[in-house]
Amino acid sequence: MKVTCPVAMMNKGSYNTQSFSNQNFVKLEELMYEQQVKRGEKIYWEGNDCNHLYYLKSGAVKLTKSSDEGKDLVLYHFQAGDLFGEIGDDSHVLNSFSAEAMTDCSLGVIQQKDLETILWQNGDLAVEFMKWMGYMQRFTQTKLRDLMFFGKHGALASTLIRIANTYGIEEGNTIRMTTKFTNTEIADLIGATRETVNRMLNQLKKDNIIAYENGTIMIKDLEQLKAICHCEGCPKNICRL
Protein backbone atom coordinates (compact mmCIF):
# COMPACT_ATOMS: atom_id res chain seq x y z
CA MET A 1 0.00 0.00 0.00
CA LYS A 2 1.26 3.46 -0.91
CA VAL A 3 0.66 6.32 1.53
CA THR A 4 1.84 9.88 1.58
CA CYS A 5 4.66 10.51 4.02
CA PRO A 6 4.43 14.02 5.52
CA VAL A 7 7.99 13.68 6.77
CA ALA A 8 9.16 14.39 3.23
CA MET A 9 7.10 17.57 3.02
CA MET A 10 7.41 19.05 6.50
CA ASN A 11 10.13 19.67 9.07
CA LYS A 12 11.38 16.18 9.85
CA GLY A 13 12.62 17.31 13.26
CA SER A 14 8.98 17.54 14.39
CA TYR A 15 8.49 13.77 14.05
CA ASN A 16 10.14 10.69 15.47
CA THR A 17 10.84 9.29 11.99
CA GLN A 18 13.70 11.66 11.19
CA SER A 19 16.21 8.78 11.22
CA PHE A 20 14.71 7.34 8.00
CA SER A 21 15.75 8.55 4.57
CA ASN A 22 12.89 9.26 2.16
CA GLN A 23 13.99 6.34 -0.01
CA ASN A 24 13.92 3.86 2.84
CA PHE A 25 10.71 5.21 4.31
CA VAL A 26 9.00 4.40 1.02
CA LYS A 27 9.99 0.76 1.61
CA LEU A 28 8.20 0.86 4.96
CA GLU A 29 5.17 2.51 3.36
CA GLU A 30 4.86 -0.37 0.92
CA LEU A 31 4.38 -2.76 3.86
CA MET A 32 1.53 -0.80 5.41
CA TYR A 33 -2.15 -1.55 5.33
CA GLU A 34 -4.62 1.14 6.32
CA GLN A 35 -6.60 1.25 9.54
CA GLN A 36 -9.14 3.89 10.59
CA VAL A 37 -9.70 4.45 14.31
CA LYS A 38 -12.34 6.64 15.93
CA ARG A 39 -11.64 9.01 18.79
CA GLY A 40 -11.57 7.18 22.12
CA GLU A 41 -11.01 3.73 20.60
CA LYS A 42 -8.08 1.56 21.62
CA ILE A 43 -5.52 0.72 18.96
CA TYR A 44 -3.97 -1.94 21.16
CA TRP A 45 -4.14 -2.92 24.81
CA GLU A 46 -1.48 -3.31 27.47
CA GLY A 47 -0.93 -7.04 28.00
CA ASN A 48 -1.83 -8.11 24.45
CA ASP A 49 0.67 -9.64 22.03
CA CYS A 50 2.98 -7.01 20.53
CA ASN A 51 3.68 -7.62 16.85
CA HIS A 52 2.79 -4.42 14.96
CA LEU A 53 4.11 -0.94 14.33
CA TYR A 54 1.81 1.95 13.48
CA TYR A 55 2.52 4.98 11.32
CA LEU A 56 0.20 7.85 12.22
CA LYS A 57 -0.90 9.49 8.97
CA SER A 58 -3.42 11.82 10.60
CA GLY A 59 -4.77 12.40 14.07
CA ALA A 60 -3.30 12.09 17.55
CA VAL A 61 -2.63 9.08 19.80
CA LYS A 62 -1.68 8.70 23.46
CA LEU A 63 0.09 5.77 25.09
CA THR A 64 -0.86 4.95 28.67
CA LYS A 65 0.43 2.70 31.43
CA SER A 66 -1.99 1.38 34.05
CA SER A 67 -1.09 1.27 37.74
CA ASP A 68 -2.18 -1.43 40.17
CA GLU A 69 -4.78 1.05 41.45
CA GLY A 70 -6.26 1.37 37.96
CA LYS A 71 -4.97 4.89 37.27
CA ASP A 72 -3.59 5.57 33.80
CA LEU A 73 -0.32 7.47 33.38
CA VAL A 74 -0.02 9.10 29.96
CA LEU A 75 3.57 8.57 28.81
CA TYR A 76 3.47 9.58 25.15
CA HIS A 77 1.59 11.76 22.70
CA PHE A 78 2.04 10.92 19.02
CA GLN A 79 1.09 13.13 16.09
CA ALA A 80 0.83 12.76 12.33
CA GLY A 81 4.20 11.64 11.00
CA ASP A 82 5.13 9.56 14.08
CA LEU A 83 5.85 5.83 14.19
CA PHE A 84 4.91 3.91 17.33
CA GLY A 85 4.16 0.42 18.60
CA GLU A 86 5.97 -2.53 20.12
CA ILE A 87 7.45 -5.65 18.61
CA GLY A 88 8.71 -8.76 20.34
CA ASP A 89 11.36 -11.41 19.89
CA ASP A 90 11.04 -15.17 19.64
CA SER A 91 9.63 -15.35 23.16
CA HIS A 92 6.07 -14.42 24.06
CA VAL A 93 6.24 -10.62 24.51
CA LEU A 94 3.27 -8.48 25.51
CA ASN A 95 2.52 -4.80 25.02
CA SER A 96 3.80 -2.61 27.84
CA PHE A 97 1.32 0.18 27.07
CA SER A 98 -2.15 0.79 25.72
CA ALA A 99 -2.61 3.06 22.70
CA GLU A 100 -5.76 5.19 22.42
CA ALA A 101 -6.89 7.53 19.66
CA MET A 102 -7.25 11.10 20.95
CA THR A 103 -8.91 12.10 17.66
CA ASP A 104 -10.15 10.21 14.64
CA CYS A 105 -6.98 8.66 13.21
CA SER A 106 -5.69 7.18 9.99
CA LEU A 107 -2.94 4.62 10.51
CA GLY A 108 -0.54 2.65 8.36
CA VAL A 109 0.01 -0.72 10.06
CA ILE A 110 3.17 -2.80 9.65
CA GLN A 111 3.18 -6.45 10.70
CA GLN A 112 6.30 -7.63 12.49
CA LYS A 113 6.90 -10.55 10.12
CA ASP A 114 6.91 -8.19 7.12
CA LEU A 115 9.21 -5.77 8.92
CA GLU A 116 11.68 -8.52 9.79
CA THR A 117 11.84 -9.63 6.15
CA ILE A 118 12.52 -6.17 4.74
CA LEU A 119 15.13 -5.39 7.40
CA TRP A 120 16.88 -8.66 6.54
CA GLN A 121 16.93 -7.69 2.88
CA ASN A 122 17.98 -4.04 3.32
CA GLY A 123 20.98 -3.36 5.51
CA ASP A 124 20.79 0.43 5.26
CA LEU A 125 17.13 0.38 6.31
CA ALA A 126 18.05 -1.92 9.22
CA VAL A 127 20.64 0.63 10.39
CA GLU A 128 18.09 3.43 10.20
CA PHE A 129 15.57 1.32 12.09
CA MET A 130 18.17 0.77 14.83
CA LYS A 131 18.64 4.54 15.02
CA TRP A 132 14.87 4.96 15.40
CA MET A 133 14.85 2.41 18.23
CA GLY A 134 17.75 4.26 19.88
CA TYR A 135 15.82 7.52 19.60
CA MET A 136 12.74 5.95 21.19
CA GLN A 137 14.87 4.53 24.02
CA ARG A 138 16.36 7.96 24.74
CA PHE A 139 12.91 9.51 24.50
CA THR A 140 11.67 7.07 27.15
CA GLN A 141 14.70 7.56 29.40
CA THR A 142 14.27 11.33 29.50
CA LYS A 143 10.57 10.98 30.28
CA LEU A 144 11.30 8.63 33.19
CA ARG A 145 14.02 11.00 34.43
CA ASP A 146 11.55 13.88 34.44
CA LEU A 147 8.91 11.86 36.28
CA MET A 148 11.11 10.24 38.91
CA PHE A 149 14.10 12.34 39.91
CA PHE A 150 12.93 15.86 40.81
CA GLY A 151 9.54 15.41 42.42
CA LYS A 152 6.16 16.57 41.19
CA HIS A 153 7.37 20.16 40.74
CA GLY A 154 10.14 18.96 38.43
CA ALA A 155 7.76 16.65 36.58
CA LEU A 156 5.29 19.50 36.06
CA ALA A 157 7.97 21.94 34.90
CA SER A 158 9.42 19.47 32.41
CA THR A 159 5.94 18.57 31.13
CA LEU A 160 5.12 22.24 30.54
CA ILE A 161 8.35 22.55 28.55
CA ARG A 162 7.45 19.44 26.54
CA ILE A 163 3.96 20.84 25.86
CA ALA A 164 5.56 24.10 24.72
CA ASN A 165 7.94 22.28 22.39
CA THR A 166 5.07 20.22 20.96
CA TYR A 167 2.21 22.72 20.80
CA GLY A 168 3.77 26.11 21.56
CA ILE A 169 4.25 29.25 19.48
CA GLU A 170 6.80 31.89 20.47
CA GLU A 171 5.34 35.36 20.80
CA GLY A 172 8.05 37.79 21.86
CA ASN A 173 9.36 36.64 25.24
CA THR A 174 6.48 34.24 25.88
CA ILE A 175 5.38 30.88 24.52
CA ARG A 176 1.67 30.40 23.89
CA MET A 177 0.17 26.93 23.80
CA THR A 178 -1.99 26.29 20.75
CA THR A 179 -3.78 23.39 22.45
CA LYS A 180 -5.72 23.57 25.71
CA PHE A 181 -4.82 21.11 28.44
CA THR A 182 -7.07 20.67 31.46
CA ASN A 183 -5.47 20.28 34.85
CA THR A 184 -6.72 16.69 34.87
CA GLU A 185 -4.93 15.99 31.58
CA ILE A 186 -1.71 17.50 32.94
CA ALA A 187 -2.12 15.42 36.11
CA ASP A 188 -2.34 12.27 34.00
CA LEU A 189 0.95 13.23 32.32
CA ILE A 190 2.87 13.41 35.61
CA GLY A 191 1.09 10.85 37.78
CA ALA A 192 -0.39 13.41 40.18
CA THR A 193 -3.86 14.39 41.34
CA ARG A 194 -5.74 17.26 39.76
CA GLU A 195 -5.71 19.10 43.09
CA THR A 196 -1.92 18.87 43.31
CA VAL A 197 -1.57 20.23 39.78
CA ASN A 198 -4.00 23.06 40.61
CA ARG A 199 -1.82 24.15 43.53
CA MET A 200 1.44 23.93 41.60
CA LEU A 201 0.10 25.83 38.59
CA ASN A 202 -1.31 28.55 40.84
CA GLN A 203 2.10 28.94 42.45
CA LEU A 204 3.82 29.17 39.06
CA LYS A 205 1.31 31.86 38.12
CA LYS A 206 1.99 33.79 41.34
CA ASP A 207 5.72 33.56 40.61
CA ASN A 208 5.07 35.06 37.15
CA ILE A 209 6.47 31.95 35.44
CA ILE A 210 3.24 31.17 33.59
CA ALA A 211 0.03 33.01 32.76
CA TYR A 212 -3.34 32.12 31.22
CA GLU A 213 -4.95 33.56 28.11
CA ASN A 214 -8.37 32.36 26.94
CA GLY A 215 -7.92 29.18 28.97
CA THR A 216 -4.53 28.26 27.53
CA ILE A 217 -1.19 28.34 29.32
CA MET A 218 1.45 30.88 28.37
CA ILE A 219 5.04 30.37 29.53
CA LYS A 220 6.56 33.68 30.60
CA ASP A 221 9.82 32.45 32.14
CA LEU A 222 11.14 29.36 30.38
CA GLU A 223 14.50 29.54 32.18
CA GLN A 224 12.83 29.22 35.57
CA LEU A 225 10.98 26.10 34.41
CA LYS A 226 14.27 24.66 33.17
CA ALA A 227 15.87 25.35 36.55
CA ILE A 228 13.04 23.62 38.42
CA CYS A 229 13.41 20.40 36.39
CA HIS A 230 17.23 20.56 36.11
CA CYS A 231 16.93 20.70 32.31
CA GLU A 232 19.74 18.94 30.47
CA GLY A 233 19.14 20.81 27.21
CA CYS A 234 17.82 17.90 25.15
CA PRO A 235 16.91 18.69 21.52
CA LYS A 236 13.24 19.45 20.88
CA ASN A 237 12.63 16.17 19.05
CA ILE A 238 13.46 14.46 22.39
CA CYS A 239 11.90 17.07 24.70
CA ARG A 240 8.32 16.68 23.44
CA LEU A 241 5.18 14.93 24.62
C-alpha atoms as a PDB file:
ATOM      1  CA  MET A   1       0.000   0.000   0.000  1.00  0.00           C
ATOM      2  CA  LYS A   2       1.264   3.461  -0.906  1.00  0.00           C
ATOM      3  CA  VAL A   3       0.657   6.317   1.529  1.00  0.00           C
ATOM      4  CA  THR A   4       1.838   9.884   1.585  1.00  0.00           C
ATOM      5  CA  CYS A   5       4.657  10.506   4.025  1.00  0.00           C
ATOM      6  CA  PRO A   6       4.428  14.019   5.524  1.00  0.00           C
ATOM      7  CA  VAL A   7       7.993  13.684   6.768  1.00  0.00           C
ATOM      8  CA  ALA A   8       9.161  14.385   3.225  1.00  0.00           C
ATOM      9  CA  MET A   9       7.102  17.569   3.019  1.00  0.00           C
ATOM     10  CA  MET A  10       7.410  19.054   6.497  1.00  0.00           C
ATOM     11  CA  ASN A  11      10.134  19.667   9.072  1.00  0.00           C
ATOM     12  CA  LYS A  12      11.383  16.182   9.850  1.00  0.00           C
ATOM     13  CA  GLY A  13      12.615  17.312  13.258  1.00  0.00           C
ATOM     14  CA  SER A  14       8.980  17.536  14.389  1.00  0.00           C
ATOM     15  CA  TYR A  15       8.485  13.771  14.052  1.00  0.00           C
ATOM     16  CA  ASN A  16      10.137  10.690  15.470  1.00  0.00           C
ATOM     17  CA  THR A  17      10.836   9.291  11.985  1.00  0.00           C
ATOM     18  CA  GLN A  18      13.702  11.657  11.193  1.00  0.00           C
ATOM     19  CA  SER A  19      16.209   8.784  11.225  1.00  0.00           C
ATOM     20  CA  PHE A  20      14.712   7.339   8.003  1.00  0.00           C
ATOM     21  CA  SER A  21      15.746   8.549   4.569  1.00  0.00           C
ATOM     22  CA  ASN A  22      12.891   9.263   2.163  1.00  0.00           C
ATOM     23  CA  GLN A  23      13.992   6.340  -0.008  1.00  0.00           C
ATOM     24  CA  ASN A  24      13.924   3.855   2.838  1.00  0.00           C
ATOM     25  CA  PHE A  25      10.713   5.207   4.313  1.00  0.00           C
ATOM     26  CA  VAL A  26       9.004   4.401   1.019  1.00  0.00           C
ATOM     27  CA  LYS A  27       9.986   0.761   1.610  1.00  0.00           C
ATOM     28  CA  LEU A  28       8.202   0.861   4.955  1.00  0.00           C
ATOM     29  CA  GLU A  29       5.169   2.511   3.364  1.00  0.00           C
ATOM     30  CA  GLU A  30       4.865  -0.367   0.924  1.00  0.00           C
ATOM     31  CA  LEU A  31       4.377  -2.762   3.860  1.00  0.00           C
ATOM     32  CA  MET A  32       1.526  -0.798   5.405  1.00  0.00           C
ATOM     33  CA  TYR A  33      -2.153  -1.554   5.331  1.00  0.00           C
ATOM     34  CA  GLU A  34      -4.620   1.145   6.319  1.00  0.00           C
ATOM     35  CA  GLN A  35      -6.602   1.245   9.540  1.00  0.00           C
ATOM     36  CA  GLN A  36      -9.138   3.892  10.590  1.00  0.00           C
ATOM     37  CA  VAL A  37      -9.697   4.451  14.308  1.00  0.00           C
ATOM     38  CA  LYS A  38     -12.338   6.641  15.928  1.00  0.00           C
ATOM     39  CA  ARG A  39     -11.640   9.013  18.792  1.00  0.00           C
ATOM     40  CA  GLY A  40     -11.571   7.181  22.125  1.00  0.00           C
ATOM     41  CA  GLU A  41     -11.008   3.734  20.600  1.00  0.00           C
ATOM     42  CA  LYS A  42      -8.081   1.557  21.625  1.00  0.00           C
ATOM     43  CA  ILE A  43      -5.522   0.722  18.959  1.00  0.00           C
ATOM     44  CA  TYR A  44      -3.965  -1.936  21.160  1.00  0.00           C
ATOM     45  CA  TRP A  45      -4.138  -2.921  24.812  1.00  0.00           C
ATOM     46  CA  GLU A  46      -1.484  -3.310  27.466  1.00  0.00           C
ATOM     47  CA  GLY A  47      -0.926  -7.039  28.001  1.00  0.00           C
ATOM     48  CA  ASN A  48      -1.828  -8.111  24.453  1.00  0.00           C
ATOM     49  CA  ASP A  49       0.674  -9.635  22.034  1.00  0.00           C
ATOM     50  CA  CYS A  50       2.985  -7.013  20.530  1.00  0.00           C
ATOM     51  CA  ASN A  51       3.680  -7.618  16.847  1.00  0.00           C
ATOM     52  CA  HIS A  52       2.785  -4.423  14.961  1.00  0.00           C
ATOM     53  CA  LEU A  53       4.112  -0.940  14.325  1.00  0.00           C
ATOM     54  CA  TYR A  54       1.808   1.950  13.484  1.00  0.00           C
ATOM     55  CA  TYR A  55       2.520   4.984  11.323  1.00  0.00           C
ATOM     56  CA  LEU A  56       0.204   7.845  12.224  1.00  0.00           C
ATOM     57  CA  LYS A  57      -0.897   9.491   8.969  1.00  0.00           C
ATOM     58  CA  SER A  58      -3.422  11.817  10.600  1.00  0.00           C
ATOM     59  CA  GLY A  59      -4.772  12.404  14.073  1.00  0.00           C
ATOM     60  CA  ALA A  60      -3.296  12.090  17.554  1.00  0.00           C
ATOM     61  CA  VAL A  61      -2.632   9.084  19.799  1.00  0.00           C
ATOM     62  CA  LYS A  62      -1.681   8.700  23.462  1.00  0.00           C
ATOM     63  CA  LEU A  63       0.091   5.767  25.090  1.00  0.00           C
ATOM     64  CA  THR A  64      -0.863   4.951  28.670  1.00  0.00           C
ATOM     65  CA  LYS A  65       0.431   2.704  31.434  1.00  0.00           C
ATOM     66  CA  SER A  66      -1.989   1.385  34.051  1.00  0.00           C
ATOM     67  CA  SER A  67      -1.091   1.270  37.736  1.00  0.00           C
ATOM     68  CA  ASP A  68      -2.178  -1.430  40.167  1.00  0.00           C
ATOM     69  CA  GLU A  69      -4.776   1.047  41.450  1.00  0.00           C
ATOM     70  CA  GLY A  70      -6.258   1.368  37.962  1.00  0.00           C
ATOM     71  CA  LYS A  71      -4.969   4.888  37.271  1.00  0.00           C
ATOM     72  CA  ASP A  72      -3.591   5.565  33.796  1.00  0.00           C
ATOM     73  CA  LEU A  73      -0.322   7.467  33.384  1.00  0.00           C
ATOM     74  CA  VAL A  74      -0.017   9.097  29.963  1.00  0.00           C
ATOM     75  CA  LEU A  75       3.566   8.574  28.812  1.00  0.00           C
ATOM     76  CA  TYR A  76       3.468   9.579  25.150  1.00  0.00           C
ATOM     77  CA  HIS A  77       1.588  11.764  22.703  1.00  0.00           C
ATOM     78  CA  PHE A  78       2.041  10.923  19.022  1.00  0.00           C
ATOM     79  CA  GLN A  79       1.090  13.129  16.092  1.00  0.00           C
ATOM     80  CA  ALA A  80       0.832  12.758  12.330  1.00  0.00           C
ATOM     81  CA  GLY A  81       4.201  11.637  10.998  1.00  0.00           C
ATOM     82  CA  ASP A  82       5.129   9.563  14.077  1.00  0.00           C
ATOM     83  CA  LEU A  83       5.845   5.833  14.189  1.00  0.00           C
ATOM     84  CA  PHE A  84       4.908   3.906  17.331  1.00  0.00           C
ATOM     85  CA  GLY A  85       4.158   0.421  18.597  1.00  0.00           C
ATOM     86  CA  GLU A  86       5.971  -2.525  20.118  1.00  0.00           C
ATOM     87  CA  ILE A  87       7.451  -5.646  18.607  1.00  0.00           C
ATOM     88  CA  GLY A  88       8.707  -8.756  20.337  1.00  0.00           C
ATOM     89  CA  ASP A  89      11.359 -11.408  19.891  1.00  0.00           C
ATOM     90  CA  ASP A  90      11.043 -15.172  19.641  1.00  0.00           C
ATOM     91  CA  SER A  91       9.629 -15.353  23.158  1.00  0.00           C
ATOM     92  CA  HIS A  92       6.065 -14.417  24.062  1.00  0.00           C
ATOM     93  CA  VAL A  93       6.243 -10.618  24.508  1.00  0.00           C
ATOM     94  CA  LEU A  94       3.272  -8.479  25.514  1.00  0.00           C
ATOM     95  CA  ASN A  95       2.521  -4.805  25.017  1.00  0.00           C
ATOM     96  CA  SER A  96       3.803  -2.613  27.839  1.00  0.00           C
ATOM     97  CA  PHE A  97       1.324   0.177  27.075  1.00  0.00           C
ATOM     98  CA  SER A  98      -2.152   0.787  25.720  1.00  0.00           C
ATOM     99  CA  ALA A  99      -2.613   3.064  22.701  1.00  0.00           C
ATOM    100  CA  GLU A 100      -5.757   5.192  22.424  1.00  0.00           C
ATOM    101  CA  ALA A 101      -6.891   7.525  19.657  1.00  0.00           C
ATOM    102  CA  MET A 102      -7.251  11.098  20.949  1.00  0.00           C
ATOM    103  CA  THR A 103      -8.906  12.104  17.661  1.00  0.00           C
ATOM    104  CA  ASP A 104     -10.154  10.208  14.636  1.00  0.00           C
ATOM    105  CA  CYS A 105      -6.981   8.655  13.212  1.00  0.00           C
ATOM    106  CA  SER A 106      -5.694   7.181   9.985  1.00  0.00           C
ATOM    107  CA  LEU A 107      -2.941   4.618  10.506  1.00  0.00           C
ATOM    108  CA  GLY A 108      -0.541   2.650   8.364  1.00  0.00           C
ATOM    109  CA  VAL A 109       0.006  -0.715  10.063  1.00  0.00           C
ATOM    110  CA  ILE A 110       3.172  -2.799   9.654  1.00  0.00           C
ATOM    111  CA  GLN A 111       3.180  -6.454  10.697  1.00  0.00           C
ATOM    112  CA  GLN A 112       6.302  -7.633  12.490  1.00  0.00           C
ATOM    113  CA  LYS A 113       6.895 -10.547  10.122  1.00  0.00           C
ATOM    114  CA  ASP A 114       6.910  -8.193   7.122  1.00  0.00           C
ATOM    115  CA  LEU A 115       9.211  -5.767   8.921  1.00  0.00           C
ATOM    116  CA  GLU A 116      11.680  -8.520   9.787  1.00  0.00           C
ATOM    117  CA  THR A 117      11.838  -9.630   6.150  1.00  0.00           C
ATOM    118  CA  ILE A 118      12.523  -6.169   4.741  1.00  0.00           C
ATOM    119  CA  LEU A 119      15.134  -5.393   7.403  1.00  0.00           C
ATOM    120  CA  TRP A 120      16.884  -8.661   6.544  1.00  0.00           C
ATOM    121  CA  GLN A 121      16.925  -7.692   2.877  1.00  0.00           C
ATOM    122  CA  ASN A 122      17.975  -4.039   3.315  1.00  0.00           C
ATOM    123  CA  GLY A 123      20.980  -3.362   5.505  1.00  0.00           C
ATOM    124  CA  ASP A 124      20.786   0.428   5.264  1.00  0.00           C
ATOM    125  CA  LEU A 125      17.131   0.376   6.313  1.00  0.00           C
ATOM    126  CA  ALA A 126      18.053  -1.918   9.216  1.00  0.00           C
ATOM    127  CA  VAL A 127      20.638   0.629  10.392  1.00  0.00           C
ATOM    128  CA  GLU A 128      18.090   3.433  10.196  1.00  0.00           C
ATOM    129  CA  PHE A 129      15.573   1.323  12.090  1.00  0.00           C
ATOM    130  CA  MET A 130      18.170   0.768  14.831  1.00  0.00           C
ATOM    131  CA  LYS A 131      18.644   4.544  15.023  1.00  0.00           C
ATOM    132  CA  TRP A 132      14.874   4.959  15.397  1.00  0.00           C
ATOM    133  CA  MET A 133      14.851   2.411  18.229  1.00  0.00           C
ATOM    134  CA  GLY A 134      17.747   4.259  19.877  1.00  0.00           C
ATOM    135  CA  TYR A 135      15.823   7.517  19.602  1.00  0.00           C
ATOM    136  CA  MET A 136      12.744   5.945  21.193  1.00  0.00           C
ATOM    137  CA  GLN A 137      14.869   4.532  24.021  1.00  0.00           C
ATOM    138  CA  ARG A 138      16.363   7.956  24.737  1.00  0.00           C
ATOM    139  CA  PHE A 139      12.907   9.509  24.502  1.00  0.00           C
ATOM    140  CA  THR A 140      11.665   7.067  27.152  1.00  0.00           C
ATOM    141  CA  GLN A 141      14.700   7.557  29.397  1.00  0.00           C
ATOM    142  CA  THR A 142      14.274  11.333  29.496  1.00  0.00           C
ATOM    143  CA  LYS A 143      10.574  10.977  30.283  1.00  0.00           C
ATOM    144  CA  LEU A 144      11.301   8.633  33.188  1.00  0.00           C
ATOM    145  CA  ARG A 145      14.018  11.002  34.434  1.00  0.00           C
ATOM    146  CA  ASP A 146      11.551  13.876  34.437  1.00  0.00           C
ATOM    147  CA  LEU A 147       8.911  11.863  36.276  1.00  0.00           C
ATOM    148  CA  MET A 148      11.114  10.236  38.910  1.00  0.00           C
ATOM    149  CA  PHE A 149      14.104  12.339  39.907  1.00  0.00           C
ATOM    150  CA  PHE A 150      12.929  15.865  40.805  1.00  0.00           C
ATOM    151  CA  GLY A 151       9.541  15.408  42.421  1.00  0.00           C
ATOM    152  CA  LYS A 152       6.161  16.572  41.190  1.00  0.00           C
ATOM    153  CA  HIS A 153       7.372  20.157  40.742  1.00  0.00           C
ATOM    154  CA  GLY A 154      10.138  18.955  38.430  1.00  0.00           C
ATOM    155  CA  ALA A 155       7.757  16.653  36.585  1.00  0.00           C
ATOM    156  CA  LEU A 156       5.289  19.498  36.056  1.00  0.00           C
ATOM    157  CA  ALA A 157       7.975  21.935  34.899  1.00  0.00           C
ATOM    158  CA  SER A 158       9.422  19.465  32.406  1.00  0.00           C
ATOM    159  CA  THR A 159       5.938  18.574  31.133  1.00  0.00           C
ATOM    160  CA  LEU A 160       5.118  22.239  30.537  1.00  0.00           C
ATOM    161  CA  ILE A 161       8.351  22.550  28.554  1.00  0.00           C
ATOM    162  CA  ARG A 162       7.448  19.443  26.543  1.00  0.00           C
ATOM    163  CA  ILE A 163       3.961  20.839  25.855  1.00  0.00           C
ATOM    164  CA  ALA A 164       5.559  24.100  24.723  1.00  0.00           C
ATOM    165  CA  ASN A 165       7.937  22.276  22.387  1.00  0.00           C
ATOM    166  CA  THR A 166       5.069  20.224  20.960  1.00  0.00           C
ATOM    167  CA  TYR A 167       2.213  22.720  20.802  1.00  0.00           C
ATOM    168  CA  GLY A 168       3.767  26.115  21.561  1.00  0.00           C
ATOM    169  CA  ILE A 169       4.254  29.248  19.476  1.00  0.00           C
ATOM    170  CA  GLU A 170       6.804  31.893  20.466  1.00  0.00           C
ATOM    171  CA  GLU A 171       5.342  35.365  20.804  1.00  0.00           C
ATOM    172  CA  GLY A 172       8.046  37.794  21.862  1.00  0.00           C
ATOM    173  CA  ASN A 173       9.360  36.642  25.242  1.00  0.00           C
ATOM    174  CA  THR A 174       6.482  34.244  25.880  1.00  0.00           C
ATOM    175  CA  ILE A 175       5.380  30.880  24.521  1.00  0.00           C
ATOM    176  CA  ARG A 176       1.667  30.404  23.893  1.00  0.00           C
ATOM    177  CA  MET A 177       0.173  26.926  23.797  1.00  0.00           C
ATOM    178  CA  THR A 178      -1.993  26.294  20.750  1.00  0.00           C
ATOM    179  CA  THR A 179      -3.780  23.387  22.448  1.00  0.00           C
ATOM    180  CA  LYS A 180      -5.722  23.566  25.705  1.00  0.00           C
ATOM    181  CA  PHE A 181      -4.818  21.108  28.445  1.00  0.00           C
ATOM    182  CA  THR A 182      -7.068  20.674  31.458  1.00  0.00           C
ATOM    183  CA  ASN A 183      -5.467  20.276  34.854  1.00  0.00           C
ATOM    184  CA  THR A 184      -6.717  16.692  34.866  1.00  0.00           C
ATOM    185  CA  GLU A 185      -4.926  15.994  31.581  1.00  0.00           C
ATOM    186  CA  ILE A 186      -1.710  17.498  32.944  1.00  0.00           C
ATOM    187  CA  ALA A 187      -2.121  15.424  36.115  1.00  0.00           C
ATOM    188  CA  ASP A 188      -2.344  12.268  33.998  1.00  0.00           C
ATOM    189  CA  LEU A 189       0.946  13.226  32.320  1.00  0.00           C
ATOM    190  CA  ILE A 190       2.873  13.415  35.608  1.00  0.00           C
ATOM    191  CA  GLY A 191       1.090  10.855  37.782  1.00  0.00           C
ATOM    192  CA  ALA A 192      -0.391  13.409  40.179  1.00  0.00           C
ATOM    193  CA  THR A 193      -3.861  14.390  41.337  1.00  0.00           C
ATOM    194  CA  ARG A 194      -5.744  17.264  39.756  1.00  0.00           C
ATOM    195  CA  GLU A 195      -5.714  19.102  43.093  1.00  0.00           C
ATOM    196  CA  THR A 196      -1.916  18.871  43.308  1.00  0.00           C
ATOM    197  CA  VAL A 197      -1.566  20.230  39.780  1.00  0.00           C
ATOM    198  CA  ASN A 198      -3.997  23.061  40.614  1.00  0.00           C
ATOM    199  CA  ARG A 199      -1.823  24.154  43.534  1.00  0.00           C
ATOM    200  CA  MET A 200       1.438  23.929  41.602  1.00  0.00           C
ATOM    201  CA  LEU A 201       0.103  25.831  38.586  1.00  0.00           C
ATOM    202  CA  ASN A 202      -1.308  28.551  40.836  1.00  0.00           C
ATOM    203  CA  GLN A 203       2.104  28.938  42.452  1.00  0.00           C
ATOM    204  CA  LEU A 204       3.816  29.166  39.058  1.00  0.00           C
ATOM    205  CA  LYS A 205       1.305  31.856  38.118  1.00  0.00           C
ATOM    206  CA  LYS A 206       1.992  33.788  41.342  1.00  0.00           C
ATOM    207  CA  ASP A 207       5.718  33.560  40.614  1.00  0.00           C
ATOM    208  CA  ASN A 208       5.065  35.063  37.152  1.00  0.00           C
ATOM    209  CA  ILE A 209       6.470  31.954  35.440  1.00  0.00           C
ATOM    210  CA  ILE A 210       3.237  31.169  33.593  1.00  0.00           C
ATOM    211  CA  ALA A 211       0.028  33.008  32.755  1.00  0.00           C
ATOM    212  CA  TYR A 212      -3.336  32.124  31.223  1.00  0.00           C
ATOM    213  CA  GLU A 213      -4.955  33.561  28.113  1.00  0.00           C
ATOM    214  CA  ASN A 214      -8.372  32.357  26.945  1.00  0.00           C
ATOM    215  CA  GLY A 215      -7.923  29.182  28.974  1.00  0.00           C
ATOM    216  CA  THR A 216      -4.533  28.258  27.526  1.00  0.00           C
ATOM    217  CA  ILE A 217      -1.194  28.344  29.317  1.00  0.00           C
ATOM    218  CA  MET A 218       1.453  30.883  28.371  1.00  0.00           C
ATOM    219  CA  ILE A 219       5.036  30.375  29.528  1.00  0.00           C
ATOM    220  CA  LYS A 220       6.562  33.682  30.598  1.00  0.00           C
ATOM    221  CA  ASP A 221       9.822  32.452  32.135  1.00  0.00           C
ATOM    222  CA  LEU A 222      11.144  29.361  30.378  1.00  0.00           C
ATOM    223  CA  GLU A 223      14.497  29.540  32.177  1.00  0.00           C
ATOM    224  CA  GLN A 224      12.826  29.216  35.574  1.00  0.00           C
ATOM    225  CA  LEU A 225      10.979  26.102  34.412  1.00  0.00           C
ATOM    226  CA  LYS A 226      14.273  24.664  33.170  1.00  0.00           C
ATOM    227  CA  ALA A 227      15.871  25.347  36.549  1.00  0.00           C
ATOM    228  CA  ILE A 228      13.043  23.619  38.421  1.00  0.00           C
ATOM    229  CA  CYS A 229      13.406  20.397  36.391  1.00  0.00           C
ATOM    230  CA  HIS A 230      17.231  20.562  36.109  1.00  0.00           C
ATOM    231  CA  CYS A 231      16.926  20.705  32.312  1.00  0.00           C
ATOM    232  CA  GLU A 232      19.743  18.935  30.466  1.00  0.00           C
ATOM    233  CA  GLY A 233      19.137  20.806  27.208  1.00  0.00           C
ATOM    234  CA  CYS A 234      17.815  17.895  25.152  1.00  0.00           C
ATOM    235  CA  PRO A 235      16.907  18.687  21.524  1.00  0.00           C
ATOM    236  CA  LYS A 236      13.243  19.449  20.876  1.00  0.00           C
ATOM    237  CA  ASN A 237      12.629  16.168  19.051  1.00  0.00           C
ATOM    238  CA  ILE A 238      13.461  14.464  22.386  1.00  0.00           C
ATOM    239  CA  CYS A 239      11.903  17.067  24.701  1.00  0.00           C
ATOM    240  CA  ARG A 240       8.324  16.678  23.441  1.00  0.00           C
ATOM    241  CA  LEU A 241       5.180  14.934  24.617  1.00  0.00           C
END
